[in-house]
Amino acid sequence: MRHFMNKKLILMSLACFLAFIVITTNSTLSSQANQCVRSLHIEESTCSLSYNDFISSGYTIIIFYEDWCNPCNRMAPIFEDLASQMPHITFLKVNRTMYRHLFDFYNLKTVPAILFFKNGALIKKQLNSVNRKKMRRLIYSAFGI
């Protein structure tokens, strides 16, 4: 597992209801996520995290991706680097194939697709890949920071 300063990149399994990579600094959330990772091969009931736990408070950015998607692969290091620089924001990477119902719920049509949430409310969508400078501008304009 790759570690950032005060951040952890955590791979959640289906046993934890969601298969996304979480980059977070929230110590309570991080502790729960770590518990889920430790119980990868245990019953689903051992993990209490849900999708709403990740987006319900504060700032959250979600990127829907596919492993085969070249623009997604180009965005991954940008996304992870910005996550390490912005500890007050929770960054999630969600695999579209595994969570097609979430992808469809937000009426998305392409990957990468980036969603910006503030206290659980969707406030902005970016439906194509962007460079580092544009991603930073999107974050600042979405969250006013």
N, C-alpha and C. Protein backbone atom coordinates (compact mmCIF):
# COMPACT_ATOMS: atom_id res chain seq x y z
N MET A 1 0.82 -1.18 0.00
CA MET A 1 0.00 0.00 0.00
C MET A 1 0.87 1.25 0.00
N ARG A 2 0.51 2.19 -0.82
CA ARG A 2 1.28 3.42 -0.91
C ARG A 2 0.81 4.39 0.16
N HIS A 3 1.76 4.99 0.87
CA HIS A 3 1.41 5.94 1.93
C HIS A 3 1.81 7.35 1.52
N PHE A 4 0.99 8.31 1.88
CA PHE A 4 1.27 9.71 1.68
C PHE A 4 1.51 10.32 3.04
N MET A 5 2.02 11.56 3.09
CA MET A 5 2.15 12.25 4.36
C MET A 5 0.76 12.35 4.97
N ASN A 6 0.53 11.81 6.12
CA ASN A 6 -0.75 11.86 6.83
C ASN A 6 -1.92 11.31 6.03
N LYS A 7 -1.69 10.60 4.97
CA LYS A 7 -2.77 10.05 4.15
C LYS A 7 -2.50 8.59 3.89
N LYS A 8 -3.55 7.88 3.63
CA LYS A 8 -3.40 6.47 3.27
C LYS A 8 -4.22 6.20 2.04
N LEU A 9 -3.65 5.42 1.16
CA LEU A 9 -4.36 4.98 -0.02
C LEU A 9 -4.86 3.59 0.33
N ILE A 10 -6.16 3.43 0.40
CA ILE A 10 -6.74 2.19 0.92
C ILE A 10 -7.60 1.54 -0.15
N LEU A 11 -7.37 0.29 -0.41
CA LEU A 11 -8.20 -0.43 -1.37
C LEU A 11 -9.28 -1.16 -0.61
N MET A 12 -10.52 -0.78 -0.88
CA MET A 12 -11.65 -1.42 -0.23
C MET A 12 -12.08 -2.62 -1.08
N SER A 13 -12.59 -3.65 -0.46
CA SER A 13 -13.02 -4.82 -1.22
C SER A 13 -14.54 -4.89 -1.28
N LEU A 14 -15.03 -5.81 -2.06
CA LEU A 14 -16.48 -6.02 -2.10
C LEU A 14 -17.01 -6.44 -0.74
N ALA A 15 -16.17 -7.05 0.07
CA ALA A 15 -16.60 -7.45 1.41
C ALA A 15 -16.96 -6.22 2.24
N CYS A 16 -16.49 -5.07 1.84
CA CYS A 16 -16.82 -3.82 2.52
C CYS A 16 -17.84 -3.01 1.74
N PHE A 17 -18.64 -3.68 0.92
CA PHE A 17 -19.72 -3.08 0.15
C PHE A 17 -19.25 -2.25 -1.04
N LEU A 18 -18.10 -1.66 -0.97
CA LEU A 18 -17.63 -0.78 -2.03
C LEU A 18 -16.21 -1.15 -2.42
N ALA A 19 -15.92 -1.09 -3.69
CA ALA A 19 -14.56 -1.37 -4.14
C ALA A 19 -13.97 -0.09 -4.70
N PHE A 20 -13.67 0.84 -3.81
CA PHE A 20 -12.98 2.00 -4.30
C PHE A 20 -11.76 2.29 -3.45
N ILE A 21 -10.89 3.06 -4.05
CA ILE A 21 -9.67 3.46 -3.39
C ILE A 21 -9.97 4.76 -2.66
N VAL A 22 -9.64 4.78 -1.40
CA VAL A 22 -9.95 5.93 -0.57
C VAL A 22 -8.66 6.61 -0.15
N ILE A 23 -8.61 7.89 -0.34
CA ILE A 23 -7.49 8.67 0.13
C ILE A 23 -8.08 9.67 1.11
N THR A 24 -7.79 9.51 2.39
CA THR A 24 -8.45 10.35 3.38
C THR A 24 -7.52 10.70 4.53
N THR A 25 -7.82 11.79 5.22
CA THR A 25 -7.08 12.17 6.41
C THR A 25 -7.97 12.13 7.64
N ASN A 26 -9.24 11.89 7.47
CA ASN A 26 -10.16 11.83 8.59
C ASN A 26 -9.79 10.61 9.43
N SER A 27 -9.30 10.83 10.65
CA SER A 27 -8.77 9.72 11.45
C SER A 27 -9.82 8.67 11.78
N THR A 28 -11.06 9.08 12.08
CA THR A 28 -12.11 8.11 12.38
C THR A 28 -12.43 7.29 11.15
N LEU A 29 -12.63 7.96 10.04
CA LEU A 29 -12.93 7.28 8.79
C LEU A 29 -11.78 6.39 8.38
N SER A 30 -10.56 6.90 8.52
CA SER A 30 -9.38 6.13 8.15
C SER A 30 -9.28 4.86 8.99
N SER A 31 -9.57 4.97 10.27
CA SER A 31 -9.55 3.81 11.16
C SER A 31 -10.57 2.77 10.73
N GLN A 32 -11.80 3.22 10.40
CA GLN A 32 -12.84 2.30 9.95
C GLN A 32 -12.43 1.66 8.62
N ALA A 33 -11.87 2.46 7.72
CA ALA A 33 -11.45 1.93 6.42
C ALA A 33 -10.34 0.91 6.60
N ASN A 34 -9.41 1.18 7.50
CA ASN A 34 -8.33 0.22 7.77
C ASN A 34 -8.91 -1.08 8.31
N GLN A 35 -9.91 -1.00 9.15
CA GLN A 35 -10.56 -2.20 9.69
C GLN A 35 -11.17 -3.01 8.55
N CYS A 36 -11.80 -2.32 7.61
CA CYS A 36 -12.39 -3.00 6.45
C CYS A 36 -11.32 -3.69 5.63
N VAL A 37 -10.20 -3.04 5.44
CA VAL A 37 -9.12 -3.64 4.67
C VAL A 37 -8.60 -4.90 5.38
N ARG A 38 -8.50 -4.84 6.70
CA ARG A 38 -8.02 -6.01 7.45
C ARG A 38 -9.00 -7.17 7.36
N SER A 39 -10.26 -6.87 7.07
CA SER A 39 -11.26 -7.95 7.03
C SER A 39 -11.70 -8.28 5.61
N LEU A 40 -10.77 -8.17 4.66
CA LEU A 40 -11.10 -8.39 3.26
C LEU A 40 -11.77 -9.72 2.99
N HIS A 41 -11.37 -10.74 3.71
CA HIS A 41 -11.88 -12.08 3.42
C HIS A 41 -12.84 -12.58 4.50
N ILE A 42 -13.40 -11.64 5.23
CA ILE A 42 -14.34 -11.98 6.29
C ILE A 42 -15.73 -11.56 5.84
N GLU A 43 -16.75 -11.95 6.56
CA GLU A 43 -18.13 -11.64 6.17
C GLU A 43 -18.37 -10.15 6.02
N GLU A 44 -19.34 -9.82 5.15
CA GLU A 44 -19.68 -8.42 4.91
C GLU A 44 -20.06 -7.66 6.17
N SER A 45 -20.64 -8.32 7.11
CA SER A 45 -21.12 -7.65 8.32
C SER A 45 -19.99 -7.06 9.15
N THR A 46 -18.74 -7.42 8.87
CA THR A 46 -17.63 -6.88 9.65
C THR A 46 -17.27 -5.45 9.24
N CYS A 47 -17.80 -4.98 8.14
CA CYS A 47 -17.49 -3.64 7.66
C CYS A 47 -18.74 -2.77 7.69
N SER A 48 -18.68 -1.66 8.40
CA SER A 48 -19.86 -0.82 8.55
C SER A 48 -19.84 0.42 7.65
N LEU A 49 -18.80 0.59 6.83
CA LEU A 49 -18.73 1.77 5.98
C LEU A 49 -19.68 1.65 4.79
N SER A 50 -20.25 2.76 4.41
CA SER A 50 -21.09 2.80 3.23
C SER A 50 -20.66 3.97 2.36
N TYR A 51 -21.17 4.02 1.17
CA TYR A 51 -20.87 5.11 0.24
C TYR A 51 -21.16 6.46 0.90
N ASN A 52 -22.28 6.57 1.60
CA ASN A 52 -22.66 7.84 2.23
C ASN A 52 -21.69 8.26 3.33
N ASP A 53 -21.02 7.30 3.97
CA ASP A 53 -20.02 7.65 4.98
C ASP A 53 -18.90 8.49 4.38
N PHE A 54 -18.60 8.24 3.12
CA PHE A 54 -17.50 8.95 2.47
C PHE A 54 -17.90 10.33 1.96
N ILE A 55 -19.15 10.51 1.55
CA ILE A 55 -19.53 11.79 0.95
C ILE A 55 -20.34 12.69 1.86
N SER A 56 -20.79 12.20 3.02
CA SER A 56 -21.77 12.93 3.82
C SER A 56 -21.28 14.21 4.46
N SER A 57 -19.99 14.33 4.74
CA SER A 57 -19.54 15.57 5.38
C SER A 57 -18.23 16.05 4.77
N GLY A 58 -18.07 17.34 4.77
CA GLY A 58 -16.85 17.93 4.23
C GLY A 58 -16.81 17.90 2.72
N TYR A 59 -15.60 17.99 2.21
CA TYR A 59 -15.37 18.01 0.77
C TYR A 59 -14.95 16.63 0.29
N THR A 60 -15.57 16.17 -0.80
CA THR A 60 -15.25 14.87 -1.37
C THR A 60 -15.19 14.98 -2.89
N ILE A 61 -14.18 14.34 -3.46
CA ILE A 61 -14.06 14.27 -4.92
C ILE A 61 -14.01 12.80 -5.29
N ILE A 62 -14.87 12.41 -6.23
CA ILE A 62 -14.92 11.02 -6.70
C ILE A 62 -14.56 10.99 -8.18
N ILE A 63 -13.68 10.07 -8.53
CA ILE A 63 -13.39 9.86 -9.94
C ILE A 63 -13.81 8.43 -10.29
N PHE A 64 -14.67 8.30 -11.30
CA PHE A 64 -15.03 6.99 -11.83
C PHE A 64 -14.02 6.65 -12.91
N TYR A 65 -13.51 5.44 -12.86
CA TYR A 65 -12.45 5.04 -13.78
C TYR A 65 -12.66 3.59 -14.25
N GLU A 66 -11.88 3.22 -15.25
CA GLU A 66 -11.75 1.84 -15.71
C GLU A 66 -10.26 1.56 -15.85
N ASP A 67 -9.85 0.35 -15.54
CA ASP A 67 -8.43 -0.01 -15.63
C ASP A 67 -7.89 0.10 -17.06
N TRP A 68 -8.71 -0.16 -18.04
CA TRP A 68 -8.29 -0.13 -19.44
C TRP A 68 -8.28 1.26 -20.05
N CYS A 69 -8.79 2.24 -19.34
CA CYS A 69 -8.98 3.60 -19.85
C CYS A 69 -7.68 4.42 -19.76
N ASN A 70 -7.10 4.78 -20.91
CA ASN A 70 -5.86 5.55 -20.93
C ASN A 70 -6.01 6.93 -20.29
N PRO A 71 -7.07 7.70 -20.58
CA PRO A 71 -7.23 8.99 -19.89
C PRO A 71 -7.35 8.82 -18.37
N CYS A 72 -8.01 7.75 -17.94
CA CYS A 72 -8.12 7.47 -16.50
C CYS A 72 -6.74 7.21 -15.91
N ASN A 73 -5.95 6.42 -16.62
CA ASN A 73 -4.60 6.10 -16.14
C ASN A 73 -3.70 7.33 -16.10
N ARG A 74 -3.89 8.25 -17.03
CA ARG A 74 -3.12 9.50 -17.02
C ARG A 74 -3.55 10.39 -15.86
N MET A 75 -4.82 10.34 -15.49
CA MET A 75 -5.33 11.17 -14.39
C MET A 75 -4.97 10.62 -13.01
N ALA A 76 -4.75 9.33 -12.91
CA ALA A 76 -4.52 8.70 -11.60
C ALA A 76 -3.40 9.38 -10.80
N PRO A 77 -2.20 9.58 -11.36
CA PRO A 77 -1.16 10.23 -10.55
C PRO A 77 -1.49 11.67 -10.20
N ILE A 78 -2.20 12.37 -11.07
CA ILE A 78 -2.62 13.75 -10.77
C ILE A 78 -3.58 13.74 -9.58
N PHE A 79 -4.55 12.85 -9.64
CA PHE A 79 -5.55 12.71 -8.58
C PHE A 79 -4.88 12.39 -7.25
N GLU A 80 -3.96 11.43 -7.26
CA GLU A 80 -3.28 11.01 -6.03
C GLU A 80 -2.35 12.10 -5.50
N ASP A 81 -1.69 12.81 -6.39
CA ASP A 81 -0.80 13.89 -5.97
C ASP A 81 -1.60 15.03 -5.33
N LEU A 82 -2.71 15.41 -5.96
CA LEU A 82 -3.54 16.47 -5.38
C LEU A 82 -4.12 16.03 -4.04
N ALA A 83 -4.45 14.75 -3.92
CA ALA A 83 -4.95 14.24 -2.64
C ALA A 83 -3.91 14.41 -1.55
N SER A 84 -2.66 14.18 -1.88
CA SER A 84 -1.61 14.31 -0.87
C SER A 84 -1.37 15.77 -0.49
N GLN A 85 -1.71 16.68 -1.39
CA GLN A 85 -1.52 18.11 -1.13
C GLN A 85 -2.73 18.77 -0.46
N MET A 86 -3.87 18.08 -0.45
CA MET A 86 -5.11 18.67 0.06
C MET A 86 -5.74 17.76 1.12
N PRO A 87 -5.18 17.77 2.32
CA PRO A 87 -5.64 16.85 3.36
C PRO A 87 -7.06 17.08 3.86
N HIS A 88 -7.64 18.22 3.56
CA HIS A 88 -9.00 18.54 4.00
C HIS A 88 -10.06 18.01 3.05
N ILE A 89 -9.64 17.34 1.98
CA ILE A 89 -10.56 16.79 0.99
C ILE A 89 -10.41 15.28 0.95
N THR A 90 -11.53 14.56 0.90
CA THR A 90 -11.50 13.11 0.72
C THR A 90 -11.58 12.81 -0.77
N PHE A 91 -10.64 12.05 -1.28
CA PHE A 91 -10.59 11.67 -2.69
C PHE A 91 -10.92 10.19 -2.81
N LEU A 92 -11.85 9.84 -3.71
CA LEU A 92 -12.24 8.45 -3.93
C LEU A 92 -12.07 8.09 -5.39
N LYS A 93 -11.58 6.89 -5.64
CA LYS A 93 -11.52 6.33 -6.99
C LYS A 93 -12.49 5.16 -7.02
N VAL A 94 -13.49 5.23 -7.90
CA VAL A 94 -14.53 4.20 -7.96
C VAL A 94 -14.47 3.52 -9.32
N ASN A 95 -14.38 2.21 -9.31
CA ASN A 95 -14.36 1.45 -10.56
C ASN A 95 -15.77 1.40 -11.14
N ARG A 96 -15.92 1.90 -12.36
CA ARG A 96 -17.24 1.99 -13.00
C ARG A 96 -17.89 0.62 -13.19
N THR A 97 -17.13 -0.36 -13.60
CA THR A 97 -17.69 -1.69 -13.84
C THR A 97 -18.26 -2.28 -12.56
N MET A 98 -17.52 -2.17 -11.46
CA MET A 98 -17.97 -2.74 -10.20
C MET A 98 -19.14 -1.98 -9.61
N TYR A 99 -19.21 -0.69 -9.85
CA TYR A 99 -20.27 0.14 -9.27
C TYR A 99 -21.04 0.91 -10.33
N ARG A 100 -21.49 0.15 -11.31
CA ARG A 100 -22.24 0.74 -12.41
C ARG A 100 -23.51 1.44 -11.91
N HIS A 101 -24.12 0.91 -10.85
CA HIS A 101 -25.34 1.53 -10.32
C HIS A 101 -25.06 2.96 -9.83
N LEU A 102 -23.89 3.22 -9.22
CA LEU A 102 -23.55 4.58 -8.81
C LEU A 102 -23.28 5.45 -10.02
N PHE A 103 -22.56 4.91 -10.98
CA PHE A 103 -22.26 5.61 -12.22
C PHE A 103 -23.56 6.03 -12.92
N ASP A 104 -24.49 5.10 -13.02
CA ASP A 104 -25.78 5.38 -13.65
C ASP A 104 -26.64 6.33 -12.82
N PHE A 105 -26.56 6.21 -11.51
CA PHE A 105 -27.33 7.09 -10.62
C PHE A 105 -27.03 8.56 -10.90
N TYR A 106 -25.76 8.87 -11.18
CA TYR A 106 -25.36 10.24 -11.46
C TYR A 106 -25.47 10.59 -12.95
N ASN A 107 -26.10 9.68 -13.73
CA ASN A 107 -26.33 9.89 -15.16
C ASN A 107 -25.05 10.18 -15.92
N LEU A 108 -24.00 9.42 -15.60
CA LEU A 108 -22.72 9.59 -16.26
C LEU A 108 -22.66 8.71 -17.50
N LYS A 109 -21.90 9.15 -18.50
CA LYS A 109 -21.83 8.41 -19.76
C LYS A 109 -20.42 8.00 -20.14
N THR A 110 -19.40 8.57 -19.53
CA THR A 110 -18.03 8.32 -19.93
C THR A 110 -17.10 8.31 -18.73
N VAL A 111 -15.96 7.67 -18.90
CA VAL A 111 -14.90 7.74 -17.90
C VAL A 111 -13.69 8.40 -18.54
N PRO A 112 -12.90 9.10 -17.78
CA PRO A 112 -13.12 9.40 -16.37
C PRO A 112 -14.26 10.41 -16.19
N ALA A 113 -14.93 10.29 -15.08
CA ALA A 113 -15.96 11.25 -14.67
C ALA A 113 -15.64 11.64 -13.23
N ILE A 114 -15.59 12.93 -12.98
CA ILE A 114 -15.20 13.43 -11.67
C ILE A 114 -16.38 14.17 -11.05
N LEU A 115 -16.72 13.79 -9.82
CA LEU A 115 -17.83 14.42 -9.10
C LEU A 115 -17.29 15.14 -7.87
N PHE A 116 -17.83 16.31 -7.59
CA PHE A 116 -17.42 17.11 -6.45
C PHE A 116 -18.61 17.23 -5.50
N PHE A 117 -18.40 16.85 -4.24
CA PHE A 117 -19.45 16.90 -3.23
C PHE A 117 -19.04 17.80 -2.08
N LYS A 118 -20.01 18.55 -1.56
CA LYS A 118 -19.80 19.34 -0.34
C LYS A 118 -20.90 18.95 0.62
N ASN A 119 -20.53 18.39 1.76
CA ASN A 119 -21.47 17.94 2.78
C ASN A 119 -22.58 17.05 2.20
N GLY A 120 -22.20 16.16 1.30
CA GLY A 120 -23.13 15.20 0.72
C GLY A 120 -23.86 15.65 -0.51
N ALA A 121 -23.79 16.93 -0.85
CA ALA A 121 -24.49 17.45 -2.02
C ALA A 121 -23.54 17.51 -3.23
N LEU A 122 -24.00 16.99 -4.35
CA LEU A 122 -23.24 17.07 -5.59
C LEU A 122 -23.26 18.51 -6.07
N ILE A 123 -22.08 19.10 -6.25
CA ILE A 123 -22.04 20.51 -6.65
C ILE A 123 -21.39 20.74 -8.01
N LYS A 124 -20.69 19.73 -8.54
CA LYS A 124 -20.03 19.91 -9.84
C LYS A 124 -19.70 18.56 -10.44
N LYS A 125 -19.74 18.49 -11.80
CA LYS A 125 -19.32 17.30 -12.55
C LYS A 125 -18.29 17.72 -13.59
N GLN A 126 -17.28 16.88 -13.77
CA GLN A 126 -16.32 17.04 -14.86
C GLN A 126 -16.33 15.71 -15.61
N LEU A 127 -16.73 15.75 -16.89
CA LEU A 127 -16.97 14.50 -17.61
C LEU A 127 -15.87 14.06 -18.55
N ASN A 128 -14.70 14.62 -18.43
CA ASN A 128 -13.55 14.18 -19.23
C ASN A 128 -12.28 14.34 -18.40
N SER A 129 -11.19 13.80 -18.91
CA SER A 129 -9.92 13.95 -18.20
C SER A 129 -9.46 15.41 -18.27
N VAL A 130 -8.70 15.79 -17.29
CA VAL A 130 -8.15 17.15 -17.22
C VAL A 130 -6.70 17.07 -16.78
N ASN A 131 -5.95 18.12 -17.07
CA ASN A 131 -4.56 18.17 -16.60
C ASN A 131 -4.53 18.67 -15.15
N ARG A 132 -3.36 18.68 -14.57
CA ARG A 132 -3.20 19.06 -13.16
C ARG A 132 -3.70 20.48 -12.90
N LYS A 133 -3.35 21.41 -13.77
CA LYS A 133 -3.74 22.81 -13.58
C LYS A 133 -5.26 22.97 -13.61
N LYS A 134 -5.90 22.33 -14.59
CA LYS A 134 -7.36 22.42 -14.70
C LYS A 134 -8.04 21.73 -13.51
N MET A 135 -7.49 20.60 -13.06
CA MET A 135 -8.07 19.89 -11.91
C MET A 135 -8.00 20.78 -10.66
N ARG A 136 -6.89 21.43 -10.47
CA ARG A 136 -6.74 22.33 -9.32
C ARG A 136 -7.75 23.47 -9.41
N ARG A 137 -7.94 24.04 -10.60
CA ARG A 137 -8.93 25.11 -10.79
C ARG A 137 -10.34 24.61 -10.51
N LEU A 138 -10.65 23.39 -10.95
CA LEU A 138 -11.97 22.81 -10.68
C LEU A 138 -12.21 22.67 -9.18
N ILE A 139 -11.20 22.22 -8.47
CA ILE A 139 -11.32 22.06 -7.01
C ILE A 139 -11.57 23.41 -6.35
N TYR A 140 -10.78 24.40 -6.73
CA TYR A 140 -10.94 25.73 -6.13
C TYR A 140 -12.30 26.34 -6.47
N SER A 141 -12.75 26.16 -7.70
CA SER A 141 -14.05 26.74 -8.06
C SER A 141 -15.21 25.96 -7.42
N ALA A 142 -15.09 24.67 -7.29
CA ALA A 142 -16.16 23.87 -6.69
C ALA A 142 -16.31 24.14 -5.20
N PHE A 143 -15.19 24.24 -4.51
CA PHE A 143 -15.22 24.34 -3.05
C PHE A 143 -14.93 25.75 -2.53
N GLY A 144 -14.57 26.66 -3.41
CA GLY A 144 -14.29 28.03 -2.98
C GLY A 144 -13.09 28.12 -2.07
N ILE A 145 -12.13 27.25 -2.28
CA ILE A 145 -10.92 27.26 -1.44
C ILE A 145 -9.68 27.54 -2.26
